[in-house]
């Protein structure tokens, strides 16, 4: 089976524990799940208990079936409604001149042809033609062992705490961009392409068709980052920094509260 992972990526993970830790630390309302690319549809179909869609969907809907229903679902380009969904994950050689022009978005999301084409060029997308299929599944199931990327929806506060966990050891500044509509290019598209943590503000299509709630953001990242973030959040928890963040009061004298967090430490 050949996927986007390289040999050094095949590390043994305790998937149920990782999922449980994320749900505990971030108070998740949905299921952490994974996404994996396959060079052949036959490899995808060999996954145990794989579901194949009976209808044409957006990729947002397929993702939601894993994250909100707990399903393991596999697709090829024929299962997706159009080139916009296919292009982000590189299925079906979708990035033809018509797609690159953005003509289908002119007058819908962008005023003119120039803006639509610039939007298409700004999207993070997987290389065309390399893969025939992809699958999504809850990471706790271990069926994609390992997935190319892990994903979860969470509130802005939970996302900030997760980022704090990533930054606890070996600090790194994160810079993310917003492509606008087609924000899946900011999340799973970017994570698959760059192999880095990728945070997004879900777009109209994700909310309308993928069931994303108004207060949810999406994190997509290679699975090797999960333990790093969990270790960091556990360290922050020992310092009294836990999610959800308790309100201190906007009119209280703040010195006592700050002294707890920033006072002298032995």
Protein backbone atom coordinates (compact mmCIF):
# COMPACT_ATOMS: atom_id res chain seq x y z
CA UNK A 1 0.00 0.00 0.00
CA UNK A 2 1.50 3.32 -1.03
CA UNK A 3 0.32 6.56 0.56
CA UNK A 4 1.54 10.08 1.27
CA UNK A 5 3.59 8.90 4.25
CA UNK A 6 7.28 8.08 3.99
CA UNK A 7 8.92 5.14 5.76
CA UNK A 8 10.04 7.20 8.76
CA UNK A 9 6.43 8.26 9.39
CA UNK A 10 5.36 4.76 10.39
CA UNK A 11 5.53 5.12 14.14
CA UNK A 12 3.47 3.10 16.57
CA UNK A 13 0.67 5.19 18.12
CA UNK A 14 -1.87 4.39 20.80
CA UNK A 15 -4.76 5.84 18.80
CA UNK A 16 -7.54 5.34 21.40
CA UNK A 17 -5.44 7.04 24.06
CA UNK A 18 -4.52 9.98 21.81
CA UNK A 19 -8.17 10.51 20.93
CA UNK A 20 -9.22 10.26 24.58
CA UNK A 21 -6.54 12.73 25.66
CA UNK A 22 -7.65 15.27 23.05
CA UNK A 23 -11.29 14.89 24.05
CA UNK A 24 -10.42 15.23 27.75
CA UNK A 25 -8.10 18.21 27.46
CA UNK A 26 -10.09 20.17 24.87
CA UNK A 27 -13.64 19.12 25.84
CA UNK A 28 -14.29 18.21 22.21
CA UNK A 29 -17.88 17.89 21.02
CA UNK A 30 -16.91 15.95 17.90
CA UNK A 31 -14.64 13.00 17.16
CA UNK A 32 -10.94 13.46 16.28
CA UNK A 33 -10.45 11.79 12.92
CA UNK A 34 -7.82 11.08 10.29
CA UNK A 35 -7.47 11.41 6.53
CA UNK A 36 -5.30 9.21 4.35
CA UNK A 37 -4.51 9.36 0.64
CA UNK A 38 -4.20 6.21 -1.50
CA UNK A 39 -2.53 5.70 -4.85
CA UNK A 40 -5.13 3.11 -5.82
CA UNK A 41 -8.82 2.77 -5.04
CA UNK A 42 -8.25 -0.92 -4.29
CA UNK A 43 -5.95 -0.03 -1.37
CA UNK A 44 -8.58 2.29 0.03
CA UNK A 45 -11.30 -0.34 -0.32
CA UNK A 46 -9.18 -2.83 1.65
CA UNK A 47 -9.68 -0.84 4.87
CA UNK A 48 -11.80 -2.84 7.34
CA UNK A 49 -15.47 -1.75 7.56
CA UNK A 50 -15.01 0.95 4.92
CA UNK A 51 -18.17 2.69 3.71
CA UNK A 52 -18.57 3.88 0.14
CA UNK A 53 -20.98 6.76 -0.56
CA UNK A 54 -24.28 6.05 -2.24
CA UNK A 55 -24.71 9.72 -3.16
CA UNK A 56 -22.60 12.51 -4.59
CA UNK A 57 -21.16 14.68 -1.80
CA UNK A 58 -18.90 17.58 -1.03
CA UNK A 59 -15.70 16.58 0.76
CA UNK A 60 -17.00 18.63 3.72
CA UNK A 61 -19.82 16.08 4.05
CA UNK A 62 -17.42 13.13 3.90
CA UNK A 63 -15.25 14.72 6.59
CA UNK A 64 -18.35 15.32 8.73
CA UNK A 65 -19.36 11.68 8.46
CA UNK A 66 -16.10 10.75 10.20
CA UNK A 67 -16.01 13.60 12.72
CA UNK A 68 -19.70 13.72 13.64
CA UNK A 69 -21.00 10.23 12.94
CA UNK A 70 -17.88 8.14 13.60
CA UNK A 71 -17.93 6.50 10.17
CA UNK A 72 -15.00 5.17 8.14
CA UNK A 73 -15.58 6.41 4.59
CA UNK A 74 -13.59 6.03 1.38
CA UNK A 75 -14.01 8.05 -1.81
CA UNK A 76 -12.68 8.56 -5.30
CA UNK A 77 -13.11 11.62 -7.47
CA UNK A 78 -16.43 10.31 -8.83
CA UNK A 79 -17.97 10.58 -5.36
CA UNK A 80 -17.32 14.34 -5.16
CA UNK A 81 -19.62 16.97 -6.57
CA UNK A 82 -17.12 19.09 -8.47
CA UNK A 83 -13.58 20.12 -9.24
CA UNK A 84 -13.25 22.46 -6.24
CA UNK A 85 -13.44 19.57 -3.76
CA UNK A 86 -11.31 17.28 -5.92
CA UNK A 87 -8.57 19.82 -6.49
CA UNK A 88 -7.75 20.36 -2.82
CA UNK A 89 -6.89 16.68 -2.33
CA UNK A 90 -5.51 16.12 -5.85
CA UNK A 91 -8.16 13.67 -7.06
CA UNK A 92 -9.27 13.43 -10.68
CA UNK A 93 -6.79 15.82 -12.29
CA UNK A 94 -9.15 18.67 -11.39
CA UNK A 95 -6.72 21.56 -11.82
CA UNK A 96 -7.36 22.14 -15.51
CA UNK A 97 -7.47 25.60 -17.14
CA UNK A 98 -11.18 25.95 -16.39
CA UNK A 99 -10.60 25.33 -12.69
CA UNK A 100 -7.59 27.61 -12.58
CA UNK A 101 -9.63 30.43 -14.09
CA UNK A 102 -12.08 30.33 -11.21
CA UNK A 103 -14.88 31.09 -13.65
CA UNK A 104 -17.43 29.17 -11.57
CA UNK A 105 -16.84 31.59 -8.67
CA UNK A 106 -17.13 34.86 -10.61
CA UNK A 107 -20.17 36.78 -9.45
CA UNK A 108 -20.68 34.26 -6.65
CA UNK A 109 -17.72 34.85 -4.34
CA UNK A 110 -15.64 37.29 -6.37
CA UNK A 111 -16.46 40.40 -8.33
CA UNK A 112 -14.39 39.63 -11.38
CA UNK A 113 -12.34 37.01 -13.19
CA UNK A 114 -9.05 38.34 -11.89
CA UNK A 115 -10.05 37.94 -8.25
CA UNK A 116 -11.44 34.45 -8.84
CA UNK A 117 -8.24 33.29 -10.56
CA UNK A 118 -6.09 34.76 -7.79
CA UNK A 119 -8.15 32.87 -5.24
CA UNK A 120 -7.62 29.57 -7.06
CA UNK A 121 -3.88 30.20 -7.25
CA UNK A 122 -3.75 30.97 -3.51
CA UNK A 123 -5.20 27.60 -2.44
CA UNK A 124 -3.04 24.89 -0.89
CA UNK A 125 -3.70 21.71 -2.89
CA UNK A 126 -2.29 18.20 -3.11
CA UNK A 127 -0.43 17.36 -6.30
CA UNK A 128 -2.78 16.30 -9.10
CA UNK A 129 -2.71 12.75 -10.41
CA UNK A 130 -0.72 11.12 -7.61
CA UNK A 131 -3.67 9.57 -5.76
CA UNK A 132 -6.87 7.81 -6.77
CA UNK A 133 -8.65 7.75 -3.44
CA UNK A 134 -8.80 8.91 0.15
CA UNK A 135 -10.36 7.68 3.36
CA UNK A 136 -11.44 9.28 6.61
CA UNK A 137 -12.02 7.56 9.95
CA UNK A 138 -12.00 8.31 13.69
CA UNK A 139 -8.39 8.11 14.85
CA UNK A 140 -9.42 5.95 17.81
CA UNK A 141 -10.40 3.17 15.39
CA UNK A 142 -6.81 2.74 14.18
CA UNK A 143 -8.10 1.82 10.71
CA UNK A 144 -5.87 4.34 8.91
CA UNK A 145 -2.78 3.38 10.90
CA UNK A 146 -1.28 5.88 10.45
CA UNK A 147 -3.38 8.59 8.80
CA UNK A 148 -1.54 11.17 6.73
CA UNK A 149 -3.14 13.88 8.86
CA UNK A 150 -5.29 14.09 11.98
CA UNK A 151 -8.11 16.60 12.25
CA UNK A 152 -10.50 17.90 14.89
CA UNK A 153 -13.06 20.68 15.29
CA UNK A 154 -12.96 22.81 18.44
CA UNK A 155 -13.86 26.22 19.80
CA UNK A 156 -11.40 29.13 19.42
CA UNK A 157 -10.50 28.82 23.11
CA UNK A 158 -9.71 25.12 22.77
CA UNK A 159 -7.64 25.81 19.65
CA UNK A 160 -5.61 28.42 21.50
CA UNK A 161 -4.94 25.92 24.29
CA UNK A 162 -3.88 23.25 21.77
CA UNK A 163 -1.50 25.75 20.15
CA UNK A 164 -0.13 26.64 23.60
CA UNK A 165 0.52 22.91 24.06
CA UNK A 166 2.43 22.75 20.78
CA UNK A 167 4.52 25.73 21.88
CA UNK A 168 5.32 24.49 25.41
CA UNK A 169 8.56 22.78 24.36
CA UNK A 170 10.60 23.98 21.38
CA UNK A 171 8.66 27.19 20.82
CA UNK A 172 7.64 28.02 17.27
CA UNK A 173 5.52 30.87 15.96
CA UNK A 174 2.67 29.78 13.73
CA UNK A 175 1.57 31.85 10.75
CA UNK A 176 -1.64 30.87 9.01
CA UNK A 177 -3.54 32.49 6.18
CA UNK A 178 -7.20 32.66 5.18
CA UNK A 179 -8.03 31.90 1.55
CA UNK A 180 -11.71 32.70 2.12
CA UNK A 181 -14.27 30.37 0.56
CA UNK A 182 -12.74 26.90 -0.01
CA UNK A 183 -11.14 27.12 3.44
CA UNK A 184 -10.50 23.37 3.28
CA UNK A 185 -7.38 24.48 1.41
CA UNK A 186 -6.27 26.17 4.65
CA UNK A 187 -6.82 23.01 6.73
CA UNK A 188 -6.53 19.58 5.14
CA UNK A 189 -5.12 20.92 1.86
CA UNK A 190 -2.31 22.80 3.61
CA UNK A 191 -1.58 20.02 6.12
CA UNK A 192 -1.37 17.37 3.41
CA UNK A 193 0.83 19.56 1.21
CA UNK A 194 3.17 21.12 3.78
CA UNK A 195 3.14 18.45 6.55
CA UNK A 196 2.66 21.19 9.16
CA UNK A 197 -0.11 22.08 11.66
CA UNK A 198 -2.79 24.03 9.81
CA UNK A 199 -5.61 25.97 11.49
CA UNK A 200 -8.60 27.28 9.55
CA UNK A 201 -11.79 29.25 9.94
CA UNK A 202 -14.29 26.95 8.19
CA UNK A 203 -16.01 28.52 5.21
CA UNK A 204 -19.63 28.73 4.04
CA UNK A 205 -19.53 25.34 2.31
CA UNK A 206 -18.16 23.60 5.40
CA UNK A 207 -20.88 25.14 7.56
CA UNK A 208 -23.75 24.64 5.09
CA UNK A 209 -22.85 21.14 3.90
CA UNK A 210 -20.44 19.84 6.53
CA UNK A 211 -22.47 20.68 9.62
CA UNK A 212 -19.76 22.90 11.14
CA UNK A 213 -21.10 24.97 14.03
CA UNK A 214 -20.72 28.74 14.25
CA UNK A 215 -18.16 28.56 17.09
CA UNK A 216 -15.96 25.83 15.58
CA UNK A 217 -12.53 26.04 13.97
CA UNK A 218 -10.63 23.18 12.32
CA UNK A 219 -7.11 21.95 13.04
CA UNK A 220 -5.37 19.59 10.60
CA UNK A 221 -1.86 18.31 11.23
CA UNK A 222 0.45 15.32 10.79
CA UNK A 223 -0.21 12.85 13.63
CA UNK A 224 3.29 13.13 15.05
CA UNK A 225 2.35 16.55 16.45
CA UNK A 226 -0.48 15.19 18.59
CA UNK A 227 1.63 13.77 21.41
CA UNK A 228 3.75 16.92 21.53
CA UNK A 229 0.64 19.05 22.00
CA UNK A 230 -0.85 16.67 24.57
CA UNK A 231 2.38 16.67 26.60
CA UNK A 232 2.40 20.46 26.47
CA UNK A 233 -1.23 20.76 27.57
CA UNK A 234 -0.62 18.35 30.45
CA UNK A 235 2.30 20.53 31.56
CA UNK A 236 0.14 23.65 31.33
CA UNK A 237 -2.56 21.90 33.34
CA UNK A 238 -0.11 21.33 36.18
CA UNK A 239 0.50 25.10 36.14
CA UNK A 240 -3.21 25.73 36.57
CA UNK A 241 -3.82 26.55 32.91
CA UNK A 242 -6.77 24.40 31.84
CA UNK A 243 -9.50 24.59 29.24
CA UNK A 244 -12.17 25.86 29.50
CA UNK A 245 -10.58 29.01 30.90
CA UNK A 246 -12.42 30.21 34.04
CA UNK A 247 -13.54 33.83 33.97
CA UNK A 248 -11.78 36.02 36.56
CA UNK A 249 -14.05 39.05 36.32
CA UNK A 250 -13.56 42.22 34.30
CA UNK A 251 -13.73 44.54 37.33
CA UNK A 252 -11.70 42.53 39.85
CA UNK A 253 -8.27 43.51 41.16
CA UNK A 254 -6.13 41.32 38.93
CA UNK A 255 -2.99 41.12 41.05
CA UNK A 256 -4.03 38.11 43.09
CA UNK A 257 -4.90 36.11 39.97
CA UNK A 258 -1.68 37.00 38.18
CA UNK A 259 0.35 36.12 41.25
CA UNK A 260 -0.89 32.54 41.04
CA UNK A 261 0.28 32.12 37.46
CA UNK A 262 3.35 34.34 37.38
CA UNK A 263 4.60 34.37 40.97
CA UNK A 264 8.02 33.06 41.89
CA UNK A 265 8.40 29.35 41.18
CA UNK A 266 10.68 26.94 42.97
